[in-house]
Structures are given as structure tokens and as C-alpha cells.
């Protein structure tokens, strides 16, 4: 018996080294790769972004680039079975909403993201997810 559910586990990823390690370890933990849900959140684009103004970038091209990055970085067969999703909006809200919609039973995420300089504090996204999630959140603090 395990303290945490091994079914329907969510790992938000920002492609940082810490998040990648958490994803690898969580994949080992879940009963099977299809039980693992991975989400990457992209902020909305400003209408004044040069790429938007010049019609060179849109949400679909951004989504394709992130999916390509995920499949390139995690290219072993077990990752092909992982449920990977790209969402657009405010990160913490998207994670909580996605977890509810997918009936996630456990969220595993780092204590702070790649841009956090204060390792003793929780990152703002992690803190909001811990406060608002309907399920347990395992906060992984890297050494």
C-alpha cells in the first residue's frame, strides 16, 4: 500500500532541471505511464507582441513548439504513453482546474520554479496550487 495514489497523477512542468527530475521520478512511481498527466502552461500573448503583429506566432504554433520540445526531451517509449497537455492562461489556476477536470488524485510539483532564488520559500505557483487543489499536492524540494 502507498501513502499516495498511483493513479491519475499530475506533474506540471516548466522544462527546468528540477521539474524534469520530478517527472522522471514520478514516472517510476505511477502504476503505468498512462496514469501520468503532464501539463505545461503558457501565458497569454499580448496583442502588441511583434510575433502577433507580424502574424508569425499564435497559440497553435506555440503549442506545437512545446509539444515538440516535450517529445524531444523525453523521447523514451514510456513517455509516449504519458498524457501531455499544453494550456494557456494563469499557471496556478490552470493546474487546479485541469486537475479537477481530469479527476487527478495527486499533484507532484517542485517547491519553486526555475526562476526562484529563494529555496526556503515555496514558489507562488506552488503555493497557490497547494491552497486551491482538491487533491493532495506533494511538494518536492530539490537538494
Protein backbone atom coordinates (compact mmCIF):
# COMPACT_ATOMS: atom_id res chain seq x y z
CA UNK A 1 0.00 0.00 0.00
CA UNK A 2 1.20 3.50 -0.80
CA UNK A 3 0.55 6.72 1.06
CA UNK A 4 -0.22 8.46 -2.25
CA UNK A 5 -2.35 7.37 -5.16
CA UNK A 6 -0.52 5.89 -8.11
CA UNK A 7 -3.46 6.52 -10.44
CA UNK A 8 -4.18 9.84 -12.14
CA UNK A 9 -1.06 11.73 -11.06
CA UNK A 10 -0.36 15.22 -12.42
CA UNK A 11 3.07 16.81 -12.87
CA UNK A 12 3.17 20.44 -14.05
CA UNK A 13 6.39 21.01 -15.98
CA UNK A 14 8.28 24.15 -16.92
CA UNK A 15 11.19 22.21 -18.50
CA UNK A 16 13.57 23.23 -15.72
CA UNK A 17 16.06 20.66 -14.47
CA UNK A 18 14.14 20.20 -11.22
CA UNK A 19 10.80 19.69 -12.95
CA UNK A 20 12.36 17.20 -15.36
CA UNK A 21 13.79 15.20 -12.45
CA UNK A 22 10.40 15.20 -10.72
CA UNK A 23 8.76 13.95 -13.91
CA UNK A 24 11.28 11.11 -14.24
CA UNK A 25 10.83 10.04 -10.61
CA UNK A 26 7.04 10.29 -10.78
CA UNK A 27 7.01 8.12 -13.91
CA UNK A 28 8.82 5.44 -11.89
CA UNK A 29 6.24 5.85 -9.09
CA UNK A 30 2.98 5.56 -11.05
CA UNK A 31 1.49 2.15 -11.75
CA UNK A 32 1.71 2.70 -15.52
CA UNK A 33 2.63 5.63 -17.82
CA UNK A 34 -0.98 6.19 -18.87
CA UNK A 35 -1.72 7.19 -15.25
CA UNK A 36 0.65 10.15 -15.55
CA UNK A 37 -0.64 13.53 -16.68
CA UNK A 38 1.83 16.27 -17.57
CA UNK A 39 0.79 19.86 -18.15
CA UNK A 40 2.70 22.91 -19.35
CA UNK A 41 1.10 26.33 -19.01
CA UNK A 42 1.85 29.19 -21.38
CA UNK A 43 0.93 32.77 -20.52
CA UNK A 44 -1.40 34.58 -22.91
CA UNK A 45 0.27 36.61 -25.62
CA UNK A 46 -0.04 40.36 -25.63
CA UNK A 47 -1.69 41.71 -28.79
CA UNK A 48 1.32 44.02 -29.12
CA UNK A 49 3.89 41.19 -29.28
CA UNK A 50 5.89 41.57 -32.50
CA UNK A 51 5.19 37.95 -33.45
CA UNK A 52 1.45 38.56 -33.14
CA UNK A 53 1.56 41.86 -35.03
CA UNK A 54 3.52 40.26 -37.88
CA UNK A 55 1.37 37.10 -37.83
CA UNK A 56 4.40 34.89 -37.20
CA UNK A 57 3.25 33.34 -33.95
CA UNK A 58 -0.03 32.25 -32.44
CA UNK A 59 -1.20 29.87 -29.74
CA UNK A 60 -1.21 26.91 -32.12
CA UNK A 61 2.43 27.43 -33.16
CA UNK A 62 3.41 27.92 -29.51
CA UNK A 63 1.59 24.73 -28.55
CA UNK A 64 3.28 22.76 -31.33
CA UNK A 65 6.72 24.02 -30.25
CA UNK A 66 6.12 22.99 -26.62
CA UNK A 67 4.82 19.55 -27.66
CA UNK A 68 7.89 19.09 -29.88
CA UNK A 69 10.17 20.14 -27.02
CA UNK A 70 8.49 17.65 -24.68
CA UNK A 71 8.73 14.76 -27.15
CA UNK A 72 12.38 15.61 -27.92
CA UNK A 73 13.46 15.93 -24.29
CA UNK A 74 11.50 12.89 -23.11
CA UNK A 75 11.93 10.53 -26.06
CA UNK A 76 11.84 7.07 -24.48
CA UNK A 77 8.90 4.72 -25.18
CA UNK A 78 7.25 5.09 -21.75
CA UNK A 79 6.85 8.86 -22.29
CA UNK A 80 4.83 8.19 -25.46
CA UNK A 81 2.04 6.87 -23.20
CA UNK A 82 2.06 9.89 -20.88
CA UNK A 83 -0.87 12.32 -21.22
CA UNK A 84 0.76 15.63 -22.16
CA UNK A 85 -1.26 18.84 -22.45
CA UNK A 86 -0.40 22.47 -23.17
CA UNK A 87 -2.70 25.08 -21.63
CA UNK A 88 -2.92 28.86 -21.96
CA UNK A 89 -3.53 31.25 -19.07
CA UNK A 90 -2.54 31.78 -15.46
CA UNK A 91 -0.44 28.79 -14.39
CA UNK A 92 -1.79 28.07 -10.91
CA UNK A 93 -5.42 28.41 -11.98
CA UNK A 94 -4.86 26.16 -14.99
CA UNK A 95 -3.23 23.44 -12.90
CA UNK A 96 -6.04 23.41 -10.34
CA UNK A 97 -8.77 23.47 -13.00
CA UNK A 98 -7.10 20.77 -15.10
CA UNK A 99 -6.68 18.57 -12.00
CA UNK A 100 -10.39 18.87 -11.23
CA UNK A 101 -11.47 18.21 -14.82
CA UNK A 102 -9.25 15.11 -15.12
CA UNK A 103 -10.12 13.76 -11.65
CA UNK A 104 -6.46 13.89 -10.66
CA UNK A 105 -5.75 12.14 -7.36
CA UNK A 106 -2.25 13.56 -6.70
CA UNK A 107 -0.28 16.56 -7.94
CA UNK A 108 3.53 16.40 -7.74
CA UNK A 109 5.40 19.65 -8.25
CA UNK A 110 8.63 21.41 -7.29
CA UNK A 111 8.85 23.74 -4.32
CA UNK A 112 9.86 26.53 -6.68
CA UNK A 113 10.31 27.10 -10.40
CA UNK A 114 13.44 27.75 -12.40
CA UNK A 115 13.40 31.48 -11.71
CA UNK A 116 13.01 31.33 -7.92
CA UNK A 117 16.06 32.50 -5.95
CA UNK A 118 14.66 31.70 -2.50
CA UNK A 119 14.90 27.93 -1.90
CA UNK A 120 13.48 28.22 1.63
CA UNK A 121 10.16 29.57 0.33
CA UNK A 122 7.51 27.98 -1.81
CA UNK A 123 7.14 29.44 -5.26
CA UNK A 124 3.98 31.45 -5.78
CA UNK A 125 2.52 28.96 -8.28
CA UNK A 126 3.18 26.02 -5.97
CA UNK A 127 1.73 27.89 -3.00
CA UNK A 128 -1.48 28.70 -4.88
CA UNK A 129 -1.87 25.12 -6.09
CA UNK A 130 -1.37 23.76 -2.56
CA UNK A 131 -4.04 26.13 -1.25
CA UNK A 132 -6.60 25.58 -4.01
CA UNK A 133 -6.23 21.98 -5.21
CA UNK A 134 -8.98 19.48 -4.47
CA UNK A 135 -6.46 16.64 -4.05
CA UNK A 136 -3.15 16.11 -2.21
CA UNK A 137 -0.15 18.04 -3.53
CA UNK A 138 3.28 16.56 -2.98
CA UNK A 139 5.80 19.39 -2.96
CA UNK A 140 9.22 18.15 -3.99
CA UNK A 141 12.12 20.14 -2.57
CA UNK A 142 15.32 19.52 -4.54
CA UNK A 143 18.59 19.35 -2.60
